[in-house]
Amino acid sequence: MKDNIHPNYVETKVTCGCGNTFMTRSTKPELKVDICNACHPFYTGRVKFVDTAGRIEKFKNKFAGKYGKKS
């Protein structure tokens, strides 16, 4: 292998949007993530919708009661 072409592998602090932090190793000293194992619905068993700009409510209002009914 060639010398001096590989990035440094350092201890990394990972910070989640929920406030959870943990240490791992990576080529970057700090990482920020949106969802981690402490707040992900698969691991917690709670349903959590990551909704930006009210898209779920917009969808429900747009299609509420218009489809699936026979006149």
N, C-alpha and C. Protein backbone atom coordinates (compact mmCIF):
# COMPACT_ATOMS: atom_id res chain seq x y z
N MET A 1 0.84 -1.18 0.00
CA MET A 1 0.00 0.00 0.00
C MET A 1 0.88 1.24 0.00
N LYS A 2 0.37 2.28 -0.61
CA LYS A 2 1.10 3.53 -0.64
C LYS A 2 0.99 4.25 0.70
N ASP A 3 2.00 4.96 1.06
CA ASP A 3 2.00 5.74 2.29
C ASP A 3 1.34 7.09 2.05
N ASN A 4 0.73 7.63 3.11
CA ASN A 4 0.17 8.99 3.15
C ASN A 4 -0.98 9.23 2.16
N ILE A 5 -1.75 8.20 1.80
CA ILE A 5 -2.92 8.43 0.94
C ILE A 5 -4.23 8.11 1.67
N HIS A 6 -4.14 7.48 2.83
CA HIS A 6 -5.34 7.09 3.56
C HIS A 6 -5.69 8.17 4.59
N PRO A 7 -6.99 8.43 4.79
CA PRO A 7 -7.39 9.43 5.80
C PRO A 7 -7.14 8.91 7.21
N ASN A 8 -7.03 9.83 8.14
CA ASN A 8 -6.84 9.45 9.55
C ASN A 8 -8.13 8.86 10.10
N TYR A 9 -8.00 7.79 10.86
CA TYR A 9 -9.13 7.10 11.47
C TYR A 9 -9.13 7.51 12.94
N VAL A 10 -10.08 8.37 13.32
CA VAL A 10 -10.08 8.98 14.66
C VAL A 10 -11.34 8.61 15.42
N GLU A 11 -11.33 8.84 16.72
CA GLU A 11 -12.51 8.65 17.56
C GLU A 11 -13.49 9.78 17.26
N THR A 12 -14.77 9.42 17.06
CA THR A 12 -15.77 10.36 16.59
C THR A 12 -16.93 10.47 17.57
N LYS A 13 -17.37 11.71 17.81
CA LYS A 13 -18.54 11.95 18.65
C LYS A 13 -19.74 12.14 17.72
N VAL A 14 -20.76 11.29 17.88
CA VAL A 14 -21.97 11.36 17.06
C VAL A 14 -23.07 11.99 17.91
N THR A 15 -23.72 13.03 17.38
CA THR A 15 -24.78 13.73 18.08
C THR A 15 -26.06 13.62 17.26
N CYS A 16 -27.13 13.17 17.91
CA CYS A 16 -28.42 13.01 17.25
C CYS A 16 -29.29 14.25 17.49
N GLY A 17 -30.29 14.44 16.66
CA GLY A 17 -31.23 15.54 16.83
C GLY A 17 -32.05 15.43 18.10
N CYS A 18 -32.19 14.21 18.65
CA CYS A 18 -32.96 14.01 19.88
C CYS A 18 -32.13 14.35 21.12
N GLY A 19 -30.82 14.54 20.95
CA GLY A 19 -29.96 14.87 22.08
C GLY A 19 -29.05 13.72 22.49
N ASN A 20 -29.26 12.55 21.98
CA ASN A 20 -28.42 11.40 22.30
C ASN A 20 -27.04 11.57 21.67
N THR A 21 -25.99 11.21 22.42
CA THR A 21 -24.63 11.24 21.89
C THR A 21 -23.95 9.92 22.19
N PHE A 22 -23.05 9.52 21.30
CA PHE A 22 -22.26 8.32 21.53
C PHE A 22 -20.95 8.44 20.76
N MET A 23 -20.00 7.61 21.12
CA MET A 23 -18.68 7.64 20.51
C MET A 23 -18.51 6.43 19.60
N THR A 24 -17.84 6.64 18.48
CA THR A 24 -17.49 5.59 17.54
C THR A 24 -16.19 6.00 16.86
N ARG A 25 -15.84 5.36 15.77
CA ARG A 25 -14.64 5.75 15.04
C ARG A 25 -14.99 6.01 13.59
N SER A 26 -14.35 7.04 13.02
CA SER A 26 -14.60 7.43 11.64
C SER A 26 -13.44 8.28 11.15
N THR A 27 -13.55 8.77 9.94
CA THR A 27 -12.52 9.66 9.41
C THR A 27 -12.81 11.11 9.75
N LYS A 28 -13.96 11.40 10.34
CA LYS A 28 -14.32 12.75 10.76
C LYS A 28 -14.40 12.79 12.29
N PRO A 29 -13.99 13.88 12.91
CA PRO A 29 -14.01 13.94 14.38
C PRO A 29 -15.40 14.12 14.99
N GLU A 30 -16.38 14.63 14.20
CA GLU A 30 -17.72 14.86 14.74
C GLU A 30 -18.75 14.64 13.64
N LEU A 31 -19.85 13.97 13.99
CA LEU A 31 -20.96 13.73 13.07
C LEU A 31 -22.27 14.14 13.72
N LYS A 32 -23.21 14.66 12.92
CA LYS A 32 -24.55 15.00 13.41
C LYS A 32 -25.55 14.24 12.57
N VAL A 33 -26.46 13.52 13.24
CA VAL A 33 -27.46 12.71 12.55
C VAL A 33 -28.86 13.14 12.98
N ASP A 34 -29.86 12.84 12.16
CA ASP A 34 -31.25 13.19 12.46
C ASP A 34 -31.93 12.15 13.34
N ILE A 35 -31.67 10.88 13.09
CA ILE A 35 -32.33 9.80 13.81
C ILE A 35 -31.28 8.78 14.24
N CYS A 36 -31.38 8.33 15.49
CA CYS A 36 -30.44 7.32 16.00
C CYS A 36 -31.22 6.16 16.61
N ASN A 37 -30.52 5.22 17.23
CA ASN A 37 -31.19 4.07 17.83
C ASN A 37 -32.04 4.44 19.03
N ALA A 38 -31.81 5.59 19.66
CA ALA A 38 -32.59 6.00 20.82
C ALA A 38 -33.94 6.60 20.43
N CYS A 39 -34.07 7.09 19.19
CA CYS A 39 -35.33 7.71 18.80
C CYS A 39 -35.95 7.10 17.54
N HIS A 40 -35.31 6.12 16.92
CA HIS A 40 -35.86 5.49 15.71
C HIS A 40 -37.04 4.60 16.07
N PRO A 41 -38.15 4.68 15.33
CA PRO A 41 -39.35 3.89 15.66
C PRO A 41 -39.12 2.39 15.66
N PHE A 42 -38.22 1.87 14.87
CA PHE A 42 -37.96 0.43 14.84
C PHE A 42 -37.41 -0.05 16.18
N TYR A 43 -36.55 0.74 16.81
CA TYR A 43 -35.94 0.34 18.08
C TYR A 43 -36.78 0.71 19.29
N THR A 44 -37.56 1.80 19.20
CA THR A 44 -38.33 2.25 20.36
C THR A 44 -39.73 1.66 20.40
N GLY A 45 -40.29 1.27 19.24
CA GLY A 45 -41.65 0.75 19.20
C GLY A 45 -42.70 1.84 19.14
N ARG A 46 -42.29 3.10 19.14
CA ARG A 46 -43.22 4.23 19.03
C ARG A 46 -43.25 4.71 17.59
N VAL A 47 -44.43 5.13 17.15
CA VAL A 47 -44.56 5.68 15.80
C VAL A 47 -44.21 7.15 15.87
N LYS A 48 -43.28 7.56 15.03
CA LYS A 48 -42.86 8.96 14.98
C LYS A 48 -42.78 9.36 13.52
N PHE A 49 -43.57 10.35 13.13
CA PHE A 49 -43.53 10.83 11.76
C PHE A 49 -42.57 12.00 11.68
N VAL A 50 -41.61 11.90 10.78
CA VAL A 50 -40.71 13.01 10.54
C VAL A 50 -41.35 13.81 9.42
N ASP A 51 -42.06 14.88 9.80
CA ASP A 51 -42.86 15.64 8.86
C ASP A 51 -42.31 17.06 8.74
N THR A 52 -41.98 17.44 7.53
CA THR A 52 -41.52 18.80 7.31
C THR A 52 -42.59 19.56 6.55
N ALA A 53 -42.88 20.73 7.00
CA ALA A 53 -43.84 21.64 6.35
C ALA A 53 -45.26 21.09 6.33
N GLY A 54 -45.65 20.25 7.28
CA GLY A 54 -47.02 19.77 7.40
C GLY A 54 -47.51 18.95 6.22
N ARG A 55 -46.67 18.16 5.61
CA ARG A 55 -47.04 17.40 4.41
C ARG A 55 -48.09 16.34 4.71
N ILE A 56 -48.02 15.73 5.87
CA ILE A 56 -49.00 14.68 6.20
C ILE A 56 -50.40 15.29 6.34
N GLU A 57 -50.50 16.41 7.05
CA GLU A 57 -51.79 17.06 7.22
C GLU A 57 -52.32 17.57 5.88
N LYS A 58 -51.44 18.07 5.04
CA LYS A 58 -51.84 18.55 3.73
C LYS A 58 -52.42 17.40 2.89
N PHE A 59 -51.78 16.24 2.95
CA PHE A 59 -52.25 15.08 2.21
C PHE A 59 -53.61 14.63 2.74
N LYS A 60 -53.75 14.56 4.06
CA LYS A 60 -55.02 14.12 4.64
C LYS A 60 -56.15 15.09 4.28
N ASN A 61 -55.88 16.39 4.32
CA ASN A 61 -56.91 17.37 3.96
C ASN A 61 -57.28 17.30 2.49
N LYS A 62 -56.31 17.05 1.65
CA LYS A 62 -56.55 17.00 0.21
C LYS A 62 -57.43 15.82 -0.18
N PHE A 63 -57.21 14.67 0.44
CA PHE A 63 -57.92 13.46 0.05
C PHE A 63 -58.96 12.99 1.07
N ALA A 64 -59.28 13.81 2.04
CA ALA A 64 -60.24 13.40 3.07
C ALA A 64 -61.65 13.29 2.50
N GLY A 65 -62.20 12.09 2.53
CA GLY A 65 -63.59 11.86 2.18
C GLY A 65 -63.93 11.92 0.71
N LYS A 66 -62.97 12.13 -0.19
CA LYS A 66 -63.30 12.26 -1.60
C LYS A 66 -63.20 10.94 -2.34
N TYR A 67 -62.37 10.04 -1.86
CA TYR A 67 -62.15 8.80 -2.60
C TYR A 67 -62.65 7.61 -1.79
N GLY A 68 -63.11 6.60 -2.49
CA GLY A 68 -63.58 5.39 -1.83
C GLY A 68 -65.06 5.41 -1.51
N LYS A 69 -65.75 6.52 -1.70
CA LYS A 69 -67.18 6.59 -1.45
C LYS A 69 -67.93 6.54 -2.78
N LYS A 70 -69.03 5.79 -2.77
CA LYS A 70 -69.87 5.74 -3.97
C LYS A 70 -70.99 6.75 -3.80
N SER A 71 -71.27 7.48 -4.88
CA SER A 71 -72.32 8.51 -4.83
C SER A 71 -73.67 7.94 -5.14
